[in-house]
Amino acid sequence: MTSNQPQRPPAAYIVQHHEEDSSRSTIHITSTPLAPLTAWQKLQPQVTDTPTVEDDESPSPAPEPPQSLWQRYKSSAKAKKQEKESNATKRRYDDMWQAGLARWISSIVVLGLAAGIISKGPGSPLLEITAINLACASLHFFLLGPVVAPRSPTDPRPPPWYLAVLAVSSVMWTAVSAAMFAVLSYSDEYVVVDLDKRSFGGVVASGIGAGVTSVELLKNLTVGCACCGVAALMSCLLQWWYVYKLFTKPATEEDVRDCYARLNKKKPADK
């Protein structure tokens, strides 16, 4: 049984030509059979026209070489510089507080050294001067900073009480430091024990050795106490420098208002 309808070409044939006439549409199909696949072509992977999704991930970068101590220090300093306070007024008050912190640390060291000198039982005037150093350091032990804010949202200068405290502190450290250096010239004041009363029998040698060791230790303690007093005085002078900049350097109204609000833990006031 035959059909009058034209049969469709098999799948193994390829359409190679297509023509259209203006009067009637006629499709001419000229096909050629595909050549059979060779054994080598059968082993090759099938290639399709479907686009493949490539891996967009870039290769991981090579690990950076370890930085030296100096490079890490430079990187840290650069990061701190970028994060530095942009408000000039607030930055000066922060620097003043840091100088006060350095003075507080110096006073603690002076307190310990002065107590060590007094425990050795020195003679006069070293004992009296050391007692004054001990009193000065004890007063500054309760004076951390102090934390201070501008006088008002429009005045960047520190309050008068801060200037008075700073002036008294500067005078005290100048006096006690100069006195400690002056007493170093009295070499006979470093007698810790009376060797004449303790040197009897076979104890003479040990008594002299103990006395010499105590004298050298006492001298070192005195020098250390005097140097730490100078460090506290330098911190006071550094605070005066920032006070001078607050009095002389111009400051914008926005910076002063922001500094006043932040140091007093308040919201910035409106204009």
Protein backbone atom coordinates (compact mmCIF):
# COMPACT_ATOMS: atom_id res chain seq x y z
CA MET A 1 0.00 0.00 0.00
CA THR A 2 1.48 3.27 -1.12
CA SER A 3 0.65 6.75 0.05
CA ASN A 4 0.43 9.80 -2.23
CA GLN A 5 1.91 12.03 0.46
CA PRO A 6 5.61 12.75 0.10
CA GLN A 7 7.71 10.93 2.64
CA ARG A 8 9.91 12.89 5.06
CA PRO A 9 13.62 12.42 4.59
CA PRO A 10 15.38 10.32 7.21
CA ALA A 11 17.15 11.97 10.13
CA ALA A 12 20.52 11.12 8.66
CA TYR A 13 20.01 13.66 5.89
CA ILE A 14 20.82 17.38 5.99
CA VAL A 15 18.83 20.11 4.34
CA GLN A 16 21.26 21.95 2.08
CA HIS A 17 19.13 24.15 -0.16
CA HIS A 18 15.93 26.13 0.19
CA GLU A 19 14.20 28.07 -2.57
CA GLU A 20 11.02 30.10 -2.67
CA ASP A 21 9.21 31.18 -5.81
CA SER A 22 7.09 34.30 -6.00
CA SER A 23 4.08 32.46 -7.45
CA ARG A 24 4.21 29.34 -5.34
CA SER A 25 6.25 28.17 -2.51
CA THR A 26 8.32 25.14 -3.33
CA ILE A 27 10.92 23.55 -1.14
CA HIS A 28 13.69 21.66 -2.87
CA ILE A 29 15.54 19.32 -0.59
CA THR A 30 18.86 18.03 -1.71
CA SER A 31 20.43 15.74 0.79
CA THR A 32 23.46 13.62 1.08
CA PRO A 33 23.94 10.80 3.55
CA LEU A 34 26.31 11.38 6.48
CA ALA A 35 29.55 9.50 6.46
CA PRO A 36 29.77 6.84 9.18
CA LEU A 37 31.82 7.75 12.27
CA THR A 38 35.26 6.32 12.54
CA ALA A 39 36.46 4.50 15.62
CA TRP A 40 38.55 7.53 16.67
CA GLN A 41 35.54 9.88 16.37
CA LYS A 42 33.46 7.54 18.49
CA LEU A 43 36.02 7.82 21.30
CA GLN A 44 35.94 11.63 21.25
CA PRO A 45 33.55 13.41 23.66
CA GLN A 46 30.35 14.67 22.13
CA VAL A 47 30.45 18.42 21.47
CA THR A 48 27.16 20.22 21.73
CA ASP A 49 26.20 23.73 20.85
CA THR A 50 25.03 24.39 24.38
CA PRO A 51 27.25 27.08 25.85
CA THR A 52 29.18 25.91 28.84
CA VAL A 53 29.36 27.93 32.01
CA GLU A 54 32.96 28.73 32.70
CA ASP A 55 34.22 29.14 36.20
CA ASP A 56 34.39 32.84 36.87
CA GLU A 57 36.43 32.43 40.00
CA SER A 58 39.83 33.95 39.58
CA PRO A 59 42.81 31.99 40.83
CA SER A 60 43.63 32.66 44.46
CA PRO A 61 46.44 35.19 44.86
CA ALA A 62 49.77 34.09 46.14
CA PRO A 63 50.25 34.58 49.89
CA GLU A 64 52.00 37.80 50.82
CA PRO A 65 55.47 37.49 52.30
CA PRO A 66 55.67 38.03 56.06
CA GLN A 67 56.27 41.64 57.05
CA SER A 68 59.16 42.70 59.18
CA LEU A 69 58.74 44.43 62.51
CA TRP A 70 59.48 47.83 60.97
CA GLN A 71 56.93 47.28 58.18
CA ARG A 72 54.26 46.31 60.69
CA TYR A 73 55.08 49.42 62.72
CA LYS A 74 54.78 51.64 59.64
CA SER A 75 51.46 50.04 58.67
CA SER A 76 50.11 50.52 62.18
CA ALA A 77 51.28 54.14 62.28
CA LYS A 78 49.69 54.81 58.89
CA ALA A 79 46.38 53.33 60.04
CA LYS A 80 46.43 55.40 63.21
CA LYS A 81 47.21 58.52 61.20
CA GLN A 82 44.21 57.87 58.95
CA GLU A 83 42.00 57.38 61.99
CA LYS A 84 43.33 60.51 63.68
CA GLU A 85 40.82 62.89 65.15
CA SER A 86 39.78 65.48 62.57
CA ASN A 87 38.54 67.93 65.19
CA ALA A 88 41.59 70.04 66.08
CA THR A 89 40.15 71.24 69.40
CA LYS A 90 39.21 67.73 70.51
CA ARG A 91 42.65 66.49 69.46
CA ARG A 92 44.39 69.07 71.67
CA TYR A 93 42.30 68.10 74.67
CA ASP A 94 43.11 64.43 74.04
CA ASP A 95 46.81 65.27 73.92
CA MET A 96 46.50 67.19 77.18
CA TRP A 97 44.93 64.17 78.84
CA GLN A 98 47.69 61.88 77.55
CA ALA A 99 50.32 64.23 78.96
CA GLY A 100 48.48 64.14 82.28
CA LEU A 101 48.50 60.34 82.13
CA ALA A 102 52.29 60.39 81.63
CA ARG A 103 52.65 62.67 84.67
CA TRP A 104 50.47 60.30 86.70
CA ILE A 105 52.68 57.32 85.78
CA SER A 106 55.81 59.29 86.71
CA SER A 107 54.28 60.20 90.06
CA ILE A 108 53.61 56.52 90.82
CA VAL A 109 57.26 55.69 90.13
CA VAL A 110 58.39 58.59 92.32
CA LEU A 111 56.07 57.33 95.05
CA GLY A 112 57.69 53.90 95.04
CA LEU A 113 61.26 55.19 94.87
CA ALA A 114 60.69 57.73 97.64
CA ALA A 115 59.23 55.03 99.87
CA GLY A 116 62.30 52.90 99.16
CA ILE A 117 64.65 55.73 100.13
CA ILE A 118 62.82 56.43 103.37
CA SER A 119 62.90 52.73 104.27
CA LYS A 120 66.72 52.89 104.22
CA GLY A 121 66.72 55.49 106.99
CA PRO A 122 68.89 58.20 105.38
CA GLY A 123 70.17 61.21 107.23
CA SER A 124 69.18 64.84 106.92
CA PRO A 125 68.47 66.62 104.54
CA LEU A 126 67.85 63.60 102.28
CA LEU A 127 65.15 62.26 104.57
CA GLU A 128 63.19 65.54 104.59
CA ILE A 129 63.48 66.07 100.84
CA THR A 130 62.43 62.50 100.14
CA ALA A 131 59.43 62.94 102.42
CA ILE A 132 58.42 66.01 100.39
CA ASN A 133 58.74 63.97 97.18
CA LEU A 134 56.58 61.28 98.73
CA ALA A 135 53.90 63.84 99.62
CA CYS A 136 54.00 65.40 96.15
CA ALA A 137 53.69 62.02 94.44
CA SER A 138 50.85 61.02 96.76
CA LEU A 139 48.87 64.13 95.84
CA HIS A 140 49.33 63.48 92.13
CA PHE A 141 48.27 59.87 92.55
CA PHE A 142 44.68 61.16 92.75
CA LEU A 143 45.20 63.58 89.85
CA LEU A 144 44.76 61.45 86.73
CA GLY A 145 44.61 63.86 83.80
CA PRO A 146 42.42 65.51 84.89
CA VAL A 147 39.66 65.20 82.30
CA VAL A 148 38.62 68.68 81.26
CA ALA A 149 36.31 70.24 78.66
CA PRO A 150 36.20 73.71 77.07
CA ARG A 151 34.72 76.56 79.06
CA SER A 152 31.63 76.76 76.88
CA PRO A 153 30.38 75.61 73.47
CA THR A 154 31.84 78.80 72.00
CA ASP A 155 35.07 79.14 74.05
CA PRO A 156 37.78 76.51 73.37
CA ARG A 157 39.98 77.53 76.33
CA PRO A 158 40.21 75.26 79.39
CA PRO A 159 38.50 76.41 82.61
CA PRO A 160 40.42 78.54 85.16
CA TRP A 161 40.56 75.77 87.78
CA TYR A 162 42.50 73.58 85.35
CA LEU A 163 45.08 76.31 84.84
CA ALA A 164 45.43 76.73 88.61
CA VAL A 165 45.93 72.99 89.17
CA LEU A 166 48.46 72.82 86.35
CA ALA A 167 50.38 75.81 87.74
CA VAL A 168 50.58 74.31 91.25
CA SER A 169 51.65 70.94 89.84
CA SER A 170 54.39 72.53 87.75
CA VAL A 171 55.78 74.46 90.73
CA MET A 172 55.73 71.36 92.95
CA TRP A 173 57.58 69.14 90.50
CA THR A 174 60.12 71.85 89.75
CA ALA A 175 60.91 72.24 93.44
CA VAL A 176 61.14 68.56 94.39
CA SER A 177 63.17 67.61 91.30
CA ALA A 178 65.68 70.40 91.88
CA ALA A 179 65.95 69.46 95.56
CA MET A 180 66.61 65.79 94.76
CA PHE A 181 69.39 66.70 92.34
CA ALA A 182 70.85 69.16 94.83
CA VAL A 183 71.04 66.58 97.61
CA LEU A 184 73.14 64.32 95.40
CA SER A 185 76.14 66.57 96.11
CA TYR A 186 76.01 65.66 99.82
CA SER A 187 77.92 62.41 99.68
CA ASP A 188 78.09 62.09 103.46
CA GLU A 189 74.30 62.06 103.73
CA TYR A 190 74.10 58.53 102.31
CA VAL A 191 75.16 56.90 105.60
CA VAL A 192 72.58 54.22 106.21
CA VAL A 193 73.95 52.59 109.36
CA ASP A 194 76.45 53.76 111.95
CA LEU A 195 79.33 51.42 111.26
CA ASP A 196 81.25 52.53 114.40
CA LYS A 197 78.53 51.24 116.72
CA ARG A 198 78.01 47.96 114.83
CA SER A 199 81.64 47.12 114.06
CA PHE A 200 82.75 45.02 116.99
CA GLY A 201 84.49 41.66 117.03
CA GLY A 202 84.20 39.63 113.87
CA VAL A 203 81.19 41.55 112.53
CA VAL A 204 83.30 44.42 111.20
CA ALA A 205 83.76 43.03 107.69
CA SER A 206 80.13 42.11 107.16
CA GLY A 207 78.96 45.44 108.58
CA ILE A 208 81.17 47.42 106.20
CA GLY A 209 80.02 45.34 103.22
CA ALA A 210 76.36 45.83 104.06
CA GLY A 211 76.87 49.55 104.54
CA VAL A 212 78.60 50.05 101.19
CA THR A 213 75.89 48.08 99.36
CA SER A 214 73.13 50.12 101.00
CA VAL A 215 74.88 53.39 100.13
CA GLU A 216 75.12 52.48 96.44
CA LEU A 217 71.49 51.39 96.38
CA LEU A 218 70.43 54.60 98.08
CA LYS A 219 72.29 56.70 95.52
CA ASN A 220 70.59 54.84 92.67
CA LEU A 221 67.18 55.31 94.24
CA THR A 222 67.82 59.03 94.68
CA VAL A 223 68.91 59.48 91.06
CA GLY A 224 65.90 57.52 89.81
CA CYS A 225 63.52 59.55 91.96
CA ALA A 226 64.99 62.81 90.66
CA CYS A 227 64.79 61.69 87.02
CA CYS A 228 61.16 60.60 87.36
CA GLY A 229 60.39 63.98 88.92
CA VAL A 230 61.88 65.64 85.84
CA ALA A 231 59.71 63.41 83.64
CA ALA A 232 56.63 64.58 85.54
CA LEU A 233 57.75 68.18 85.08
CA MET A 234 58.17 67.64 81.34
CA SER A 235 54.62 66.31 81.19
CA CYS A 236 53.43 69.52 82.85
CA LEU A 237 55.31 71.61 80.30
CA LEU A 238 53.74 69.59 77.51
CA GLN A 239 50.32 70.31 78.93
CA TRP A 240 51.18 74.03 79.00
CA TRP A 241 52.08 73.81 75.32
CA TYR A 242 48.64 72.48 74.42
CA VAL A 243 47.03 75.13 76.61
CA TYR A 244 49.00 77.75 74.69
CA LYS A 245 47.70 76.34 71.40
CA LEU A 246 44.13 76.42 72.69
CA PHE A 247 44.56 80.09 73.61
CA THR A 248 46.27 81.19 70.40
CA LYS A 249 45.17 78.89 67.57
CA PRO A 250 41.84 79.76 65.94
CA ALA A 251 39.07 77.17 66.18
CA THR A 252 35.82 76.90 64.28
CA GLU A 253 32.53 77.13 66.10
CA GLU A 254 31.52 73.65 64.94
CA ASP A 255 34.72 72.09 66.33
CA VAL A 256 34.33 73.79 69.70
CA ARG A 257 30.67 72.82 69.99
CA ASP A 258 31.41 69.22 69.03
CA CYS A 259 34.35 69.01 71.45
CA TYR A 260 32.31 70.47 74.29
CA ALA A 261 29.46 68.04 73.67
CA ARG A 262 31.68 64.97 73.39
CA LEU A 263 33.74 65.72 76.49
CA ASN A 264 30.60 66.42 78.50
CA LYS A 265 28.78 63.42 77.01
CA LYS A 266 26.03 65.57 75.53
CA LYS A 267 24.47 65.90 72.12
CA PRO A 268 25.81 68.76 69.99
CA ALA A 269 23.76 71.89 70.52
CA ASP A 270 21.94 73.41 67.60
CA LYS A 271 22.95 76.73 66.21
